[in-house]
Amino acid sequence: MRGLLARAALAAPVLAAVALGAPSARADGPPARSAIAPLAGPGGAPARVSGAPLRLSSTAQPLTRGADPWFGDDKARHFCASMVLASGGYALGSLATDDIGGRIALGAAVALGAGLAKEALDAAGYGTPSFRDLVWDALGTSAGLGLSVWFDLAATPIQF
């Protein structure tokens, strides 16, 4: 049963990538606007690939100092991504070892490592670094590891 659980948990990062790539909707108004602009081809006409217009999209918006709420769409994404990465890391650890502590350590390293790397890139000028993002990464990691351990122990038969 443990092997089946581990293989199912390995699919979680793929599902998270699909879910996190979906356009977000704001509760206080219309869906978030993305800057989608056609590329200019020869003569100013939109560029085409196989007859379809070629478009670039970017949803990056500059944040001001006061625009980092504790409960925003960005924080939910940090929580969910960390939860999925921690669960996936735990599942990978279950393929390598029977030690629960080792599995937890690998899951935490994967999730928190990804969160710290993202914030390091933000600090390097590719975004806006936020301590609150790291807090939500830690909470998501804890939730993902808690659920993974719970499912793992529930799937393990009791030996007398």
Protein backbone atom coordinates (compact mmCIF):
# COMPACT_ATOMS: atom_id res chain seq x y z
CA MET A 1 0.00 0.00 0.00
CA ARG A 2 2.86 2.37 0.78
CA GLY A 3 4.14 2.12 -2.82
CA LEU A 4 0.73 3.03 -4.22
CA LEU A 5 0.48 6.00 -1.85
CA ALA A 6 3.96 7.19 -2.84
CA ARG A 7 3.21 6.95 -6.56
CA ALA A 8 -0.05 8.85 -6.13
CA ALA A 9 1.69 11.58 -4.15
CA LEU A 10 4.32 11.98 -6.88
CA ALA A 11 1.59 13.27 -9.20
CA ALA A 12 0.76 16.10 -6.78
CA PRO A 13 3.41 18.57 -8.07
CA VAL A 14 2.04 18.23 -11.60
CA LEU A 15 -1.48 18.92 -10.40
CA ALA A 16 -0.24 21.91 -8.40
CA ALA A 17 1.53 23.34 -11.43
CA VAL A 18 -1.69 23.12 -13.42
CA ALA A 19 -3.72 24.68 -10.59
CA LEU A 20 -1.22 27.47 -9.92
CA GLY A 21 -1.02 28.30 -13.62
CA ALA A 22 -4.78 28.91 -13.86
CA PRO A 23 -5.92 32.53 -14.05
CA SER A 24 -6.79 33.89 -10.65
CA ALA A 25 -10.07 35.53 -9.72
CA ARG A 26 -10.32 38.29 -7.16
CA ALA A 27 -13.12 38.23 -4.62
CA ASP A 28 -13.42 42.02 -4.63
CA GLY A 29 -13.89 42.54 -8.34
CA PRO A 30 -13.26 41.23 -11.84
CA PRO A 31 -10.61 38.59 -12.55
CA ALA A 32 -7.00 39.74 -12.44
CA ARG A 33 -6.02 41.40 -15.69
CA SER A 34 -3.06 40.04 -17.57
CA ALA A 35 -1.11 42.05 -20.07
CA ILE A 36 -1.58 40.07 -23.27
CA ALA A 37 -0.23 41.86 -26.30
CA PRO A 38 0.25 40.51 -29.81
CA LEU A 39 3.75 40.57 -31.25
CA ALA A 40 4.14 42.81 -34.26
CA GLY A 41 5.02 41.06 -37.47
CA PRO A 42 6.07 42.55 -40.81
CA GLY A 43 4.15 45.70 -41.66
CA GLY A 44 2.75 46.00 -38.11
CA ALA A 45 0.45 42.97 -38.47
CA PRO A 46 0.32 40.51 -35.56
CA ALA A 47 2.92 37.75 -35.87
CA ARG A 48 1.48 34.34 -36.69
CA VAL A 49 2.63 30.80 -36.09
CA SER A 50 0.67 28.17 -38.02
CA GLY A 51 -2.01 30.74 -38.75
CA ALA A 52 -2.63 31.60 -35.07
CA PRO A 53 -1.61 34.94 -33.59
CA LEU A 54 1.47 34.68 -31.37
CA ARG A 55 0.96 36.30 -27.96
CA LEU A 56 3.06 36.90 -24.89
CA SER A 57 1.50 37.13 -21.47
CA SER A 58 2.73 38.53 -18.19
CA THR A 59 0.83 38.82 -14.94
CA ALA A 60 3.67 40.47 -13.03
CA GLN A 61 2.56 43.66 -11.35
CA PRO A 62 4.82 45.85 -9.24
CA LEU A 63 4.00 45.81 -5.53
CA THR A 64 4.22 48.84 -3.33
CA ARG A 65 5.40 48.55 0.26
CA GLY A 66 1.84 48.50 1.67
CA ALA A 67 0.44 46.06 -0.92
CA ASP A 68 1.54 42.83 0.81
CA PRO A 69 -1.49 41.62 2.78
CA TRP A 70 -1.33 38.53 4.96
CA PHE A 71 -4.34 36.93 3.24
CA GLY A 72 -3.96 37.52 -0.50
CA ASP A 73 -4.03 35.37 -3.61
CA ASP A 74 -0.23 35.26 -3.58
CA LYS A 75 -0.18 33.85 -0.06
CA ALA A 76 -2.63 31.10 -1.00
CA ARG A 77 -0.38 30.14 -3.89
CA HIS A 78 2.65 29.99 -1.57
CA PHE A 79 0.72 27.83 0.89
CA CYS A 80 -0.59 25.40 -1.75
CA ALA A 81 2.72 25.10 -3.61
CA SER A 82 4.62 24.43 -0.38
CA MET A 83 2.04 21.90 0.76
CA VAL A 84 2.28 20.01 -2.52
CA LEU A 85 6.08 20.17 -2.64
CA ALA A 86 6.35 18.93 0.95
CA SER A 87 3.99 16.04 0.20
CA GLY A 88 5.92 15.19 -2.96
CA GLY A 89 9.22 15.30 -1.09
CA TYR A 90 7.78 13.05 1.60
CA ALA A 91 6.59 10.63 -1.08
CA LEU A 92 10.04 10.58 -2.68
CA GLY A 93 11.53 9.93 0.74
CA SER A 94 9.18 6.99 1.24
CA LEU A 95 10.64 5.38 -1.86
CA ALA A 96 14.14 5.69 -0.38
CA THR A 97 13.69 4.94 3.33
CA ASP A 98 11.30 3.54 5.92
CA ASP A 99 12.39 6.15 8.47
CA ILE A 100 9.60 8.72 8.98
CA GLY A 101 12.08 11.32 10.20
CA GLY A 102 14.08 11.06 6.99
CA ARG A 103 10.93 11.43 4.90
CA ILE A 104 9.88 14.50 6.85
CA ALA A 105 13.35 16.00 6.46
CA LEU A 106 13.32 15.47 2.68
CA GLY A 107 9.81 16.91 2.32
CA ALA A 108 10.72 19.96 4.39
CA ALA A 109 13.97 20.46 2.47
CA VAL A 110 12.19 20.35 -0.89
CA ALA A 111 9.37 22.73 0.07
CA LEU A 112 11.35 25.21 2.15
CA GLY A 113 14.25 25.10 -0.31
CA ALA A 114 11.91 26.07 -3.14
CA GLY A 115 10.37 28.87 -1.06
CA LEU A 116 13.77 30.23 -0.04
CA ALA A 117 15.03 30.03 -3.63
CA LYS A 118 11.98 31.95 -4.84
CA GLU A 119 12.49 34.67 -2.25
CA ALA A 120 16.22 34.83 -3.07
CA LEU A 121 15.33 35.43 -6.71
CA ASP A 122 12.87 38.11 -5.63
CA ALA A 123 15.61 39.76 -3.55
CA ALA A 124 17.96 39.62 -6.53
CA GLY A 125 15.62 41.90 -8.47
CA TYR A 126 13.25 39.44 -10.14
CA GLY A 127 10.32 40.32 -7.89
CA THR A 128 9.41 41.73 -4.52
CA PRO A 129 10.76 39.74 -1.56
CA SER A 130 8.34 39.19 1.29
CA PHE A 131 8.76 37.72 4.76
CA ARG A 132 5.04 36.97 4.71
CA ASP A 133 5.55 34.69 1.71
CA LEU A 134 8.10 32.72 3.74
CA VAL A 135 5.63 32.42 6.62
CA TRP A 136 3.00 30.97 4.28
CA ASP A 137 5.65 28.65 2.79
CA ALA A 138 6.39 27.33 6.30
CA LEU A 139 2.68 26.89 7.07
CA GLY A 140 2.10 25.04 3.79
CA THR A 141 5.12 22.84 4.44
CA SER A 142 3.79 21.96 7.89
CA ALA A 143 0.32 21.16 6.51
CA GLY A 144 1.72 19.03 3.68
CA LEU A 145 4.00 17.06 5.97
CA GLY A 146 1.25 16.62 8.55
CA LEU A 147 -1.14 15.22 5.97
CA SER A 148 1.55 13.01 4.46
CA VAL A 149 2.48 11.48 7.82
CA TRP A 150 -1.18 11.02 8.68
CA PHE A 151 -1.92 9.23 5.37
CA ASP A 152 1.25 7.18 5.66
CA LEU A 153 0.46 6.00 9.19
CA ALA A 154 -3.16 5.33 8.25
CA ALA A 155 -2.05 3.16 5.33
CA THR A 156 0.49 1.22 7.40
CA PRO A 157 -0.94 -1.94 8.98
CA ILE A 158 -0.55 -2.29 12.72
CA GLN A 159 1.83 -5.07 13.70
CA PHE A 160 1.47 -6.81 17.06
